[in-house]
Structure formats: structure tokens, C-alpha cells
Amino acid sequence: MSANPQRSTDDGLIAELAAIIGPGAVRRGAELDERYIRNAWGYGNETAQTPRAIVWPRSTGEVSRVLSYCNAIGQTVVPQGGLSGVVGGACATARDVVVSLERMNGIGEIDDESIIVAVEAGATLQAISERLAERRLVFPVDIGSRATATLGGMIASNAGGLNVVKYGMMRQNVLGLEAVLADGTVVGGLGKVLKDNAGYDLKHIFIGSEGTLGIVTRATVRVFDKPQAISTAFVGVACFAGVARLLRRLRQLPLGTLAAYEVMWSSYGQLIREFCTRARIPFPTDCAFYLLIEAHVECDAIERVLAEALESGEAIDAVVAKSERERAALWLVREGSGEGLRKLGSLVTFDISLPLADMPLFVEQASREVAALFPATRSIALAHGADGNLHLIFATGGGSAEERLAIDHLVYRKVKEIAGSISAEHGIGTSKRPYLGYSRSAAEIELMKRLKSTLDPKGILNPGKVLHDVG
């Protein structure tokens, strides 16, 4: 009898996986770099453990063979992309095998007539964008973690980001995909047509499923011509009514030209001024709200709208970028807050959807109630204003599990009261799973469980994510 049965079992598992995809593509858990265990921001890391092993398949066929073997022996599998998620959806436990898609990073030829491209799941958003830029094309979905976020992870989480108001989320930009089911079956096709009503549109089963129904390996995605004109402005307003009124003015621009409408509360402005060395608010005025606006029109169109807003008192200060360097500096205010947030220590973050009109009162009440529980807590708010996606952040200082749980309960209860969504674009993962019933009915959750049981009867795919374990 082996002195260490677990070690012996792990040796056998490693040997079998190496036989399937080659010894150079398998590593046992103890040899893993920390980045495969815990994501950079720490979200979902509370239960993250070193997995039994990690494998790096290089093709859909290898993913299929790995899953077929794991399903046969009941071995749980956690798919991983760039580990830029913030709800613990790609974190593993000690019993899991991690399937990393990072070696499957090919970007196919661009179809110039249809303006589409087939991409493997491990390709990063930045690599895709750089490839497209050579042809003066842009990828429609843009998120702050573009350097690490992979296409497969973005599809699995139905990523949204900065340009949803113009292009939609990932769901609106995937024409076809290829996925591997728990038993190794390869399904789907790299469709090239925008309109296809030939029965159930099965790709939508996998988009937003967070790797619990299958592992996406390739996809055909829409890309777009680079806009001929891009205008970017940074605006200060005195009240939230001004935020809403200015958005209505901008929606009178030609359809499809408004690309981003980012709203930052004064708390966010204070974070930038106090803790960020690179990002700079472009005017000295302290404002209740700051707006980052981008529209695919000539600057004079934006300037006319802003002149009207300044004259009416809706806006109190504004800057329009006159060069690409100035545009990048304005975007850095919105995307460069990570430096400041890290200096605040432990964070409890929320990604929720609610009507724009409900945002100011929601932020005010939630911040006040959290401060009543934990007086040292600092709240920071920002939003993708045009699509109703609010990001609310609490810097707690202590960061205890009890603190986090109490704040989660408080905020998600308030979301439920106004019939909002507990997840706008980040998914459910493990951290939001207890609150799924706040945004989905019992009948909907039961249907999700039936779908999971049908496609993954043994429950090997990303167990414990989205739903309580089934299978």
C-alpha cells in the first residue's frame, strides 16, 4: 500500500492526462504559478485552492479528449481564460483539474466582405484588437482588463464593458461558436451569417454560462470598421438630473454614434485626486458628477451639445479632447482608478443593473446604511450610464468575511426591492450564487438546473459556480 494514497492517485491522473495531450502540457498543482490559483484583484479567492493539476490543450480535439476522460472518471474540471473575472468563476479547489485555454490563441483570417473573424478562446482582447487595428477595424466589446481577458472568458461571462450602448454585449456580437460538452462531444459551428432561424440558436446556451455547460474553444465574432471620427469629452455636472438631461441631448445625435457615457460620482473624483498619480481630472472644479462621453462624430457636434448644456446649467465645466494623446488622458481617469483602489485595501465591489433614475438614491441609501454598520467604510460609485450598469465599491479597511457578507446582504436586498439585477456584466461565479434568487424566479432557477443536469449529468464542469452543485 502506498504511504501517500492521494499522491499515488494524483500521479495516475497526471500520467493519464499526459498520455492524452502530451507531458509538456500537464503540470501538477504544486508546480503551478500563483496566477493560476488566485486572480489579480482577489475576488473569489476566499475559497480558491491549488488544483490537482492544470492542462494546456492546443486544439478543440485535445479539449474533447480531456473532458471525455475526466467525465468517465467523475473528475471535476474548471476552465480558465485570463483570470480577469471578479466573481470567482474561474477559481478552482483542491479536487479540480484546471483546463487553461491560453495556448489556444489563434486569430483567423479576417473576412473582408462580411467583416467577421474566427478566433480561438485563448486569444486576449488586446491581441485581437491589435490584429484588427492593422486593417483599421475594431472589436466591438471593450473592457478595462483587455491585456488579460480572453475571448473564451468574455463569451462565457457575456462581457459588456465600455461600448455596450453602441455595439451591445458579447451576446450580440457572436455569430457562431464551437464548444465541448462535459462528455467530450463537440457542438456548434463557426457561423458566418447574422440572421439564422434554423431551430434553436444553441450558441446562446454557452454565452454567459460561465463554463458550467461546456467549454467554448472557438468563435466567429463580428468586427467593425474603425470610426472615421471619434470625439471624447470630460464633463462636470452639479446634480444627477443634469446627468440624465445631457444623456437625452446626446441621444439626439445620429443613431449609433454615442459609444460611451461613463458616470463618476464625486467619491470617484476624490479617489482620483487623492490616490492616483497618473490619472488627472482635467479641470479643478469639484463636481457632484463627472462624465466621460465618447461619440463617433466630429468634435463640433459634441461641442454644440456641450455648449447648450453649459448655457442651460446642466453642465458646469467641460473639456473636449483635441488629440489622441488628450483622448487617452481622459480615458485614463475612467480606467486608471486601480492604483487608487489598491491603496484603499480590502474592497467589496458590486456590479448591478437598475434604471438610471434609481441610481442616485440607491447609491446614497446604500452608502449611508453601510456606513452605519461600518463607520470606517469609504464608498465609491461609477456607472455605464447609458445602459444602467452601476459599479458600487466599498473600501472597508478590515476586510473580514463577516463584513463582506453583511455588506453583500444589504446591497443585494436593496437591488431585489427595486427589481434590478445582481449582475450586470460580471456573472455569478461563486460570490453571487447565494443571491441568484434575488434576480431569477424559482421556476427560472429550476430550469437552469434541468439544463445543467441534461448537458452535464455528472456535474463535472465548473462545479459550484452559478448554481448549487447538481448532477
Protein backbone atom coordinates (compact mmCIF):
# COMPACT_ATOMS: atom_id res chain seq x y z
CA MET A 1 0.00 0.00 0.00
CA SER A 2 1.27 3.48 -0.88
CA ALA A 3 2.36 5.65 2.05
CA ASN A 4 0.51 8.53 0.40
CA PRO A 5 -2.62 7.33 -1.44
CA GLN A 6 -3.50 10.83 -2.62
CA ARG A 7 -0.05 11.30 -4.15
CA SER A 8 -0.38 7.96 -5.89
CA THR A 9 -3.81 8.88 -7.22
CA ASP A 10 -2.53 12.24 -8.46
CA ASP A 11 0.43 10.51 -10.17
CA GLY A 12 -2.02 8.31 -12.04
CA LEU A 13 -4.15 11.28 -13.06
CA ILE A 14 -1.13 13.21 -14.34
CA ALA A 15 0.06 10.17 -16.30
CA GLU A 16 -3.33 9.69 -17.97
CA LEU A 17 -3.66 13.36 -18.89
CA ALA A 18 -0.09 13.40 -20.24
CA ALA A 19 -0.93 10.39 -22.40
CA ILE A 20 -3.88 12.34 -23.85
CA ILE A 21 -2.23 15.66 -24.68
CA GLY A 22 1.49 15.17 -24.05
CA PRO A 23 3.64 15.54 -20.91
CA GLY A 24 4.64 19.11 -21.77
CA ALA A 25 1.02 20.27 -21.49
CA VAL A 26 0.30 18.94 -18.00
CA ARG A 27 1.55 20.10 -14.63
CA ARG A 28 0.58 19.01 -11.15
CA GLY A 29 -0.94 21.58 -8.80
CA ALA A 30 2.08 22.00 -6.56
CA GLU A 31 4.10 23.24 -9.54
CA LEU A 32 1.65 25.96 -10.52
CA ASP A 33 2.32 29.66 -10.64
CA GLU A 34 0.12 31.63 -8.25
CA ARG A 35 -1.68 33.35 -11.11
CA TYR A 36 -3.48 30.10 -11.96
CA ILE A 37 -4.87 29.94 -8.44
CA ARG A 38 -5.88 33.47 -7.46
CA ASN A 39 -6.98 36.29 -9.70
CA ALA A 40 -5.22 39.63 -9.55
CA TRP A 41 -7.97 41.56 -7.76
CA GLY A 42 -8.60 38.88 -5.16
CA TYR A 43 -12.32 38.46 -5.88
CA GLY A 44 -13.49 34.91 -5.29
CA ASN A 45 -10.14 33.96 -3.81
CA GLU A 46 -11.66 33.20 -0.41
CA THR A 47 -12.26 29.57 -1.42
CA ALA A 48 -9.56 29.26 -4.11
CA GLN A 49 -7.13 26.37 -3.64
CA THR A 50 -4.27 24.79 -5.55
CA PRO A 51 -5.92 22.39 -8.04
CA ARG A 52 -4.86 18.79 -8.56
CA ALA A 53 -3.45 19.59 -11.98
CA ILE A 54 -3.56 22.02 -14.88
CA VAL A 55 -3.61 21.12 -18.56
CA TRP A 56 -2.94 23.34 -21.58
CA PRO A 57 -4.71 21.85 -24.61
CA ARG A 58 -3.74 23.16 -28.04
CA SER A 59 -6.86 22.23 -30.01
CA THR A 60 -10.56 21.54 -29.69
CA GLY A 61 -9.77 17.85 -30.18
CA GLU A 62 -7.49 17.84 -27.15
CA VAL A 63 -10.11 19.63 -25.03
CA SER A 64 -12.58 16.97 -26.15
CA ARG A 65 -10.31 14.09 -25.16
CA VAL A 66 -9.51 15.65 -21.78
CA LEU A 67 -13.19 16.16 -20.95
CA SER A 68 -14.14 12.69 -22.18
CA TYR A 69 -11.58 11.16 -19.81
CA CYS A 70 -12.48 13.39 -16.86
CA ASN A 71 -16.20 12.72 -17.34
CA ALA A 72 -15.60 8.96 -17.41
CA ILE A 73 -13.86 9.03 -14.02
CA GLY A 74 -16.01 11.78 -12.48
CA GLN A 75 -13.13 14.26 -12.31
CA THR A 76 -14.26 17.87 -11.90
CA VAL A 77 -12.90 20.45 -14.36
CA VAL A 78 -12.54 24.24 -14.09
CA PRO A 79 -11.96 26.13 -17.37
CA GLN A 80 -9.74 29.20 -17.22
CA GLY A 81 -9.08 32.10 -19.55
CA GLY A 82 -7.20 35.19 -18.44
CA LEU A 83 -8.41 35.09 -14.81
CA SER A 84 -9.63 38.68 -15.03
CA GLY A 85 -13.11 37.87 -13.70
CA VAL A 86 -14.22 39.28 -10.37
CA VAL A 87 -16.79 36.78 -9.06
CA GLY A 88 -14.63 33.68 -8.57
CA GLY A 89 -15.96 31.98 -11.70
CA ALA A 90 -12.56 30.56 -12.70
CA CYS A 91 -11.19 29.74 -9.24
CA ALA A 92 -10.56 26.07 -8.53
CA THR A 93 -10.48 23.85 -5.45
CA ALA A 94 -8.03 21.12 -4.48
CA ARG A 95 -10.20 18.46 -6.12
CA ASP A 96 -10.31 20.10 -9.57
CA VAL A 97 -8.35 19.85 -12.80
CA VAL A 98 -7.91 23.23 -14.47
CA VAL A 99 -8.19 23.42 -18.26
CA SER A 100 -6.38 26.58 -19.36
CA LEU A 101 -7.19 27.79 -22.88
CA GLU A 102 -4.25 30.21 -23.07
CA ARG A 103 -2.33 28.15 -25.65
CA MET A 104 -5.35 28.14 -27.97
CA ASN A 105 -4.85 31.74 -29.03
CA GLY A 106 -5.05 31.69 -32.80
CA ILE A 107 -6.71 34.54 -34.72
CA GLY A 108 -8.00 33.56 -38.15
CA GLU A 109 -8.11 35.46 -41.38
CA ILE A 110 -10.50 38.39 -41.46
CA ASP A 111 -13.41 38.04 -43.86
CA ASP A 112 -13.32 41.45 -45.53
CA GLU A 113 -16.74 41.13 -47.12
CA SER A 114 -18.69 40.06 -44.03
CA ILE A 115 -16.24 41.76 -41.62
CA ILE A 116 -16.03 38.77 -39.29
CA VAL A 117 -13.16 36.76 -37.87
CA ALA A 118 -12.80 33.32 -36.28
CA VAL A 119 -10.81 33.38 -33.05
CA GLU A 120 -9.68 30.71 -30.59
CA ALA A 121 -10.82 31.02 -26.99
CA GLY A 122 -7.42 31.82 -25.50
CA ALA A 123 -6.71 34.90 -27.61
CA THR A 124 -6.64 38.05 -25.49
CA LEU A 125 -8.77 41.06 -26.28
CA GLN A 126 -5.61 43.13 -26.70
CA ALA A 127 -4.12 40.70 -29.22
CA ILE A 128 -7.37 40.64 -31.18
CA SER A 129 -7.62 44.43 -31.13
CA GLU A 130 -4.02 44.88 -32.29
CA ARG A 131 -4.57 42.44 -35.15
CA LEU A 132 -7.72 44.27 -36.21
CA ALA A 133 -6.07 47.67 -35.94
CA GLU A 134 -3.76 46.68 -38.81
CA ARG A 135 -6.88 46.64 -41.01
CA ARG A 136 -8.49 49.72 -39.43
CA LEU A 137 -11.08 47.54 -37.72
CA VAL A 138 -12.22 47.45 -34.08
CA PHE A 139 -13.55 44.74 -31.79
CA PRO A 140 -16.98 45.83 -30.51
CA VAL A 141 -16.65 44.83 -26.85
CA ASP A 142 -14.01 46.69 -24.86
CA ILE A 143 -13.19 46.17 -21.18
CA GLY A 144 -10.52 47.55 -18.88
CA SER A 145 -8.75 44.20 -18.45
CA ARG A 146 -8.13 43.91 -22.20
CA ALA A 147 -4.50 42.82 -21.72
CA THR A 148 -5.50 39.61 -19.94
CA ALA A 149 -9.17 38.97 -20.76
CA THR A 150 -9.59 36.18 -23.33
CA LEU A 151 -12.29 35.72 -25.93
CA GLY A 152 -13.50 32.48 -24.33
CA GLY A 153 -13.81 34.09 -20.92
CA MET A 154 -15.60 37.09 -22.39
CA ILE A 155 -18.09 34.80 -24.10
CA ALA A 156 -18.53 32.62 -21.02
CA SER A 157 -19.29 35.69 -18.89
CA ASN A 158 -21.16 37.63 -21.62
CA ALA A 159 -18.83 40.57 -21.10
CA GLY A 160 -20.18 44.08 -21.51
CA GLY A 161 -17.80 46.93 -20.83
CA LEU A 162 -17.46 50.41 -22.22
CA ASN A 163 -19.23 50.41 -25.60
CA VAL A 164 -22.44 48.48 -24.87
CA VAL A 165 -24.63 51.45 -25.79
CA LYS A 166 -23.33 51.28 -29.38
CA TYR A 167 -22.36 47.66 -30.01
CA GLY A 168 -24.10 45.58 -27.34
CA MET A 169 -22.59 42.87 -25.15
CA MET A 170 -20.75 39.74 -26.30
CA ARG A 171 -24.07 38.01 -26.93
CA GLN A 172 -24.89 40.48 -29.70
CA ASN A 173 -21.50 40.02 -31.37
CA VAL A 174 -21.02 36.25 -31.56
CA LEU A 175 -22.24 34.75 -34.84
CA GLY A 176 -21.22 31.18 -34.10
CA LEU A 177 -19.13 29.21 -31.66
CA GLU A 178 -17.62 25.82 -31.04
CA ALA A 179 -17.93 24.26 -27.58
CA VAL A 180 -17.07 20.98 -25.92
CA LEU A 181 -19.64 19.35 -23.66
CA ALA A 182 -18.82 17.56 -20.43
CA ASP A 183 -18.64 14.16 -22.14
CA GLY A 184 -16.30 15.42 -24.86
CA THR A 185 -18.93 15.99 -27.54
CA VAL A 186 -18.03 18.92 -29.82
CA VAL A 187 -21.04 21.05 -30.75
CA GLY A 188 -21.70 24.22 -32.67
CA GLY A 189 -20.27 25.74 -35.79
CA LEU A 190 -18.43 28.89 -36.78
CA GLY A 191 -21.45 30.55 -38.37
CA LYS A 192 -20.89 33.45 -40.73
CA VAL A 193 -24.41 34.82 -41.08
CA LEU A 194 -26.15 37.43 -38.98
CA LYS A 195 -29.65 36.01 -39.48
CA ASP A 196 -30.14 32.30 -38.78
CA ASN A 197 -33.50 30.97 -37.57
CA ALA A 198 -32.81 27.29 -38.24
CA GLY A 199 -34.17 25.95 -34.96
CA TYR A 200 -32.82 26.71 -31.51
CA ASP A 201 -29.88 29.11 -31.51
CA LEU A 202 -27.64 26.89 -29.40
CA LYS A 203 -24.75 29.31 -29.09
CA HIS A 204 -26.76 31.29 -26.56
CA ILE A 205 -26.73 28.30 -24.19
CA PHE A 206 -23.00 28.80 -23.75
CA ILE A 207 -22.77 32.60 -23.87
CA GLY A 208 -22.96 33.72 -20.24
CA SER A 209 -22.93 30.16 -18.85
CA GLU A 210 -19.54 30.70 -17.11
CA GLY A 211 -18.16 27.36 -18.27
CA THR A 212 -20.82 25.31 -16.45
CA LEU A 213 -22.46 23.88 -19.60
CA GLY A 214 -19.49 23.49 -21.91
CA ILE A 215 -16.06 24.89 -22.72
CA VAL A 216 -16.01 27.39 -25.60
CA THR A 217 -12.98 26.71 -27.82
CA ARG A 218 -13.54 28.93 -30.88
CA ALA A 219 -15.98 31.57 -32.07
CA THR A 220 -16.83 33.66 -35.08
CA VAL A 221 -17.30 37.26 -34.00
CA ARG A 222 -18.40 40.48 -35.63
CA VAL A 223 -15.89 43.28 -36.05
CA PHE A 224 -16.46 46.83 -37.26
CA ASP A 225 -14.77 49.47 -39.32
CA LYS A 226 -12.85 51.94 -37.21
CA PRO A 227 -14.99 55.06 -36.84
CA GLN A 228 -13.94 57.87 -39.15
CA ALA A 229 -14.41 60.38 -36.33
CA ILE A 230 -14.13 59.94 -32.56
CA SER A 231 -14.96 62.73 -30.15
CA THR A 232 -14.22 62.40 -26.44
CA ALA A 233 -15.25 64.83 -23.71
CA PHE A 234 -14.97 65.07 -19.94
CA VAL A 235 -17.79 66.99 -18.28
CA GLY A 236 -18.67 68.09 -14.74
CA VAL A 237 -22.30 68.41 -13.65
CA ALA A 238 -23.84 69.65 -10.42
CA CYS A 239 -26.68 67.14 -9.97
CA PHE A 240 -27.92 63.82 -11.29
CA ALA A 241 -30.77 65.48 -13.14
CA GLY A 242 -28.07 67.06 -15.29
CA VAL A 243 -26.61 63.60 -15.96
CA ALA A 244 -29.95 62.37 -17.28
CA ARG A 245 -30.75 65.50 -19.29
CA LEU A 246 -27.35 65.55 -21.00
CA LEU A 247 -27.79 61.89 -21.96
CA ARG A 248 -31.10 62.78 -23.61
CA ARG A 249 -29.37 65.56 -25.57
CA LEU A 250 -26.68 63.15 -26.77
CA ARG A 251 -29.26 60.61 -27.88
CA GLN A 252 -30.44 63.18 -30.40
CA LEU A 253 -27.19 62.70 -32.28
CA PRO A 254 -27.43 60.37 -35.32
CA LEU A 255 -28.40 56.84 -34.31
CA GLY A 256 -25.45 54.65 -33.38
CA THR A 257 -22.95 57.43 -32.80
CA LEU A 258 -22.99 57.57 -28.98
CA ALA A 259 -20.43 54.97 -27.89
CA ALA A 260 -19.80 55.59 -24.18
CA TYR A 261 -21.44 57.53 -21.37
CA GLU A 262 -19.49 56.91 -18.19
CA VAL A 263 -20.78 58.47 -14.97
CA MET A 264 -18.48 59.00 -11.98
CA TRP A 265 -19.72 60.24 -8.62
CA SER A 266 -17.79 62.83 -6.60
CA SER A 267 -16.50 59.96 -4.45
CA TYR A 268 -14.74 58.62 -7.54
CA GLY A 269 -13.31 62.05 -8.32
CA GLN A 270 -11.91 62.25 -4.80
CA LEU A 271 -10.27 58.84 -5.26
CA ILE A 272 -8.54 60.05 -8.42
CA ARG A 273 -7.39 63.33 -6.87
CA GLU A 274 -6.12 61.76 -3.63
CA PHE A 275 -4.59 58.44 -4.64
CA CYS A 276 -3.85 58.31 -8.37
CA THR A 277 -0.56 59.65 -9.68
CA ARG A 278 -1.13 59.09 -13.41
CA ALA A 279 -4.82 59.86 -13.89
CA ARG A 280 -5.79 63.55 -13.70
CA ILE A 281 -9.22 65.16 -13.74
CA PRO A 282 -8.78 67.79 -16.49
CA PHE A 283 -10.26 70.75 -14.61
CA PRO A 284 -10.01 71.96 -10.99
CA THR A 285 -13.75 72.26 -10.38
CA ASP A 286 -15.13 69.84 -7.79
CA CYS A 287 -18.35 68.42 -9.19
CA ALA A 288 -21.09 66.18 -7.87
CA PHE A 289 -20.74 64.04 -11.01
CA TYR A 290 -18.18 63.65 -13.76
CA LEU A 291 -18.98 62.29 -17.22
CA LEU A 292 -16.75 60.70 -19.81
CA ILE A 293 -18.51 60.89 -23.15
CA GLU A 294 -17.43 59.37 -26.42
CA ALA A 295 -19.31 59.63 -29.70
CA HIS A 296 -18.36 58.65 -33.21
CA VAL A 297 -18.95 62.09 -34.68
CA GLU A 298 -16.87 65.15 -35.44
CA CYS A 299 -15.88 67.28 -32.45
CA ASP A 300 -18.08 70.19 -33.46
CA ALA A 301 -21.20 68.05 -32.97
CA ILE A 302 -20.20 67.25 -29.37
CA GLU A 303 -19.13 70.82 -28.75
CA ARG A 304 -22.57 72.09 -29.81
CA VAL A 305 -24.29 69.72 -27.39
CA LEU A 306 -21.96 70.70 -24.56
CA ALA A 307 -22.36 74.41 -25.30
CA GLU A 308 -26.13 74.02 -24.92
CA ALA A 309 -25.64 72.07 -21.68
CA LEU A 310 -23.29 74.70 -20.25
CA GLU A 311 -25.63 77.52 -21.22
CA SER A 312 -28.63 75.78 -19.61
CA GLY A 313 -26.67 75.00 -16.44
CA GLU A 314 -26.84 71.22 -16.94
CA ALA A 315 -23.03 71.18 -17.15
CA ILE A 316 -20.66 73.35 -15.14
CA ASP A 317 -17.34 72.51 -16.81
CA ALA A 318 -16.21 70.55 -19.86
CA VAL A 319 -13.11 69.58 -21.83
CA VAL A 320 -13.08 68.10 -25.34
CA ALA A 321 -10.02 66.11 -26.44
CA LYS A 322 -8.18 67.68 -29.38
CA SER A 323 -5.69 64.87 -29.97
CA GLU A 324 -5.29 61.14 -29.41
CA ARG A 325 -2.97 61.93 -26.50
CA GLU A 326 -5.65 64.06 -24.82
CA ARG A 327 -8.27 61.38 -25.51
CA ALA A 328 -6.06 58.75 -23.81
CA ALA A 329 -5.59 61.07 -20.82
CA LEU A 330 -9.35 61.46 -20.41
CA TRP A 331 -9.91 57.70 -20.61
CA LEU A 332 -7.18 57.17 -18.03
CA VAL A 333 -9.38 58.95 -15.49
CA ARG A 334 -12.02 56.25 -16.03
CA GLU A 335 -9.67 53.28 -16.39
CA GLY A 336 -6.77 54.27 -14.14
CA SER A 337 -8.51 54.05 -10.77
CA GLY A 338 -6.95 50.68 -9.97
CA GLU A 339 -3.90 52.41 -8.50
CA GLY A 340 -6.07 54.27 -6.02
CA LEU A 341 -8.33 51.34 -5.20
CA ARG A 342 -5.37 49.14 -4.32
CA LYS A 343 -4.21 51.78 -1.84
CA LEU A 344 -7.57 51.57 -0.04
CA GLY A 345 -7.04 47.94 0.93
CA SER A 346 -9.88 45.44 1.16
CA LEU A 347 -12.77 46.11 -1.22
CA VAL A 348 -16.34 44.88 -1.53
CA THR A 349 -17.49 45.52 -5.10
CA PHE A 350 -20.85 45.42 -6.83
CA ASP A 351 -21.81 45.19 -10.49
CA ILE A 352 -25.56 45.69 -10.67
CA SER A 353 -28.24 46.84 -13.11
CA LEU A 354 -31.02 49.25 -12.29
CA PRO A 355 -32.88 52.07 -14.03
CA LEU A 356 -30.80 55.22 -14.44
CA ALA A 357 -33.35 57.26 -12.48
CA ASP A 358 -32.92 54.99 -9.44
CA MET A 359 -29.13 55.27 -9.29
CA PRO A 360 -28.60 58.42 -7.19
CA LEU A 361 -30.98 57.42 -4.39
CA PHE A 362 -29.69 53.84 -4.44
CA VAL A 363 -26.07 54.98 -4.05
CA GLU A 364 -26.99 57.47 -1.34
CA GLN A 365 -29.03 54.99 0.71
CA ALA A 366 -26.67 52.03 0.31
CA SER A 367 -23.64 54.15 1.23
CA ARG A 368 -25.40 55.58 4.27
CA GLU A 369 -26.59 52.18 5.51
CA VAL A 370 -23.19 50.55 5.03
CA ALA A 371 -21.51 53.44 6.87
CA ALA A 372 -23.98 52.97 9.74
CA LEU A 373 -22.78 49.36 10.06
CA PHE A 374 -19.09 50.05 9.44
CA PRO A 375 -18.25 53.73 10.04
CA ALA A 376 -14.74 53.50 8.60
CA THR A 377 -16.04 52.34 5.22
CA ARG A 378 -15.48 54.53 2.16
CA SER A 379 -17.87 54.24 -0.80
CA ILE A 380 -17.04 54.91 -4.45
CA ALA A 381 -19.58 54.89 -7.28
CA LEU A 382 -19.38 54.90 -11.06
CA ALA A 383 -21.63 53.65 -13.85
CA HIS A 384 -22.01 52.86 -17.50
CA GLY A 385 -24.79 55.40 -17.51
CA ALA A 386 -26.39 54.71 -20.88
CA ASP A 387 -27.08 51.03 -20.12
CA GLY A 388 -27.95 51.21 -16.41
CA ASN A 389 -24.89 49.35 -15.11
CA LEU A 390 -23.80 50.63 -11.69
CA HIS A 391 -20.46 49.76 -10.07
CA LEU A 392 -20.51 50.42 -6.34
CA ILE A 393 -17.33 49.86 -4.32
CA PHE A 394 -16.84 49.85 -0.56
CA ALA A 395 -13.34 50.13 0.90
CA THR A 396 -13.74 48.52 4.30
CA GLY A 397 -10.27 48.62 5.75
CA GLY A 398 -10.71 45.43 7.78
CA GLY A 399 -11.96 43.14 5.06
CA SER A 400 -13.31 40.39 7.31
CA ALA A 401 -15.62 37.73 5.89
CA GLU A 402 -18.39 38.90 8.23
CA GLU A 403 -18.03 42.46 6.97
CA ARG A 404 -18.23 41.38 3.33
CA LEU A 405 -21.24 39.16 3.99
CA ALA A 406 -23.13 41.91 5.80
CA ILE A 407 -22.50 44.41 3.00
CA ASP A 408 -23.50 41.85 0.35
CA HIS A 409 -26.78 41.16 2.13
CA LEU A 410 -27.56 44.84 2.47
CA VAL A 411 -26.83 45.84 -1.12
CA TYR A 412 -28.38 42.83 -2.84
CA ARG A 413 -31.53 43.14 -0.72
CA LYS A 414 -31.90 46.70 -1.98
CA VAL A 415 -31.37 45.53 -5.58
CA LYS A 416 -34.13 42.98 -5.12
CA GLU A 417 -36.51 45.62 -3.75
CA ILE A 418 -36.31 47.67 -6.95
CA ALA A 419 -36.31 44.61 -9.27
CA GLY A 420 -32.78 45.25 -10.53
CA SER A 421 -30.19 42.65 -11.44
CA ILE A 422 -27.49 41.46 -9.06
CA SER A 423 -25.12 41.08 -12.02
CA ALA A 424 -24.95 43.44 -14.97
CA GLU A 425 -21.84 42.13 -16.70
CA HIS A 426 -19.58 40.17 -14.35
CA GLY A 427 -21.60 36.98 -13.96
CA ILE A 428 -22.49 34.99 -10.85
CA GLY A 429 -19.47 32.75 -10.16
CA THR A 430 -19.31 31.78 -6.51
CA SER A 431 -19.58 35.16 -4.82
CA LYS A 432 -23.10 35.99 -6.11
CA ARG A 433 -24.54 32.47 -6.10
CA PRO A 434 -26.40 32.87 -2.78
CA TYR A 435 -28.29 35.84 -4.24
CA LEU A 436 -29.28 34.40 -7.62
CA GLY A 437 -32.87 34.12 -6.39
CA TYR A 438 -32.98 37.90 -5.95
CA SER A 439 -32.97 38.31 -9.75
CA ARG A 440 -34.31 34.96 -11.00
CA SER A 441 -37.56 33.24 -10.05
CA ALA A 442 -37.71 29.75 -8.55
CA ALA A 443 -39.04 28.45 -11.88
CA GLU A 444 -36.15 30.02 -13.78
CA ILE A 445 -33.56 28.56 -11.41
CA GLU A 446 -35.19 25.14 -11.67
CA LEU A 447 -34.99 25.35 -15.47
CA MET A 448 -31.31 26.30 -15.21
CA LYS A 449 -30.72 23.23 -13.04
CA ARG A 450 -32.53 20.99 -15.53
CA LEU A 451 -30.40 22.35 -18.36
CA LYS A 452 -27.23 21.79 -16.32
CA SER A 453 -28.27 18.22 -15.45
CA THR A 454 -29.03 17.45 -19.09
CA LEU A 455 -25.75 18.74 -20.51
CA ASP A 456 -23.53 17.78 -17.57
CA PRO A 457 -25.27 14.93 -15.68
CA LYS A 458 -22.20 14.15 -13.55
CA GLY A 459 -21.70 17.80 -12.62
CA ILE A 460 -18.02 17.90 -13.59
CA LEU A 461 -17.97 21.30 -15.33
CA ASN A 462 -17.04 24.25 -13.11
CA PRO A 463 -18.89 22.86 -10.08
CA GLY A 464 -20.22 25.29 -7.50
CA LYS A 465 -20.43 28.18 -9.96
CA VAL A 466 -23.72 29.96 -10.77
CA LEU A 467 -25.88 27.19 -9.26
CA HIS A 468 -25.55 24.93 -6.28
CA ASP A 469 -23.98 21.64 -7.38
CA VAL A 470 -26.23 19.44 -9.48
CA GLY A 471 -25.66 16.15 -11.17
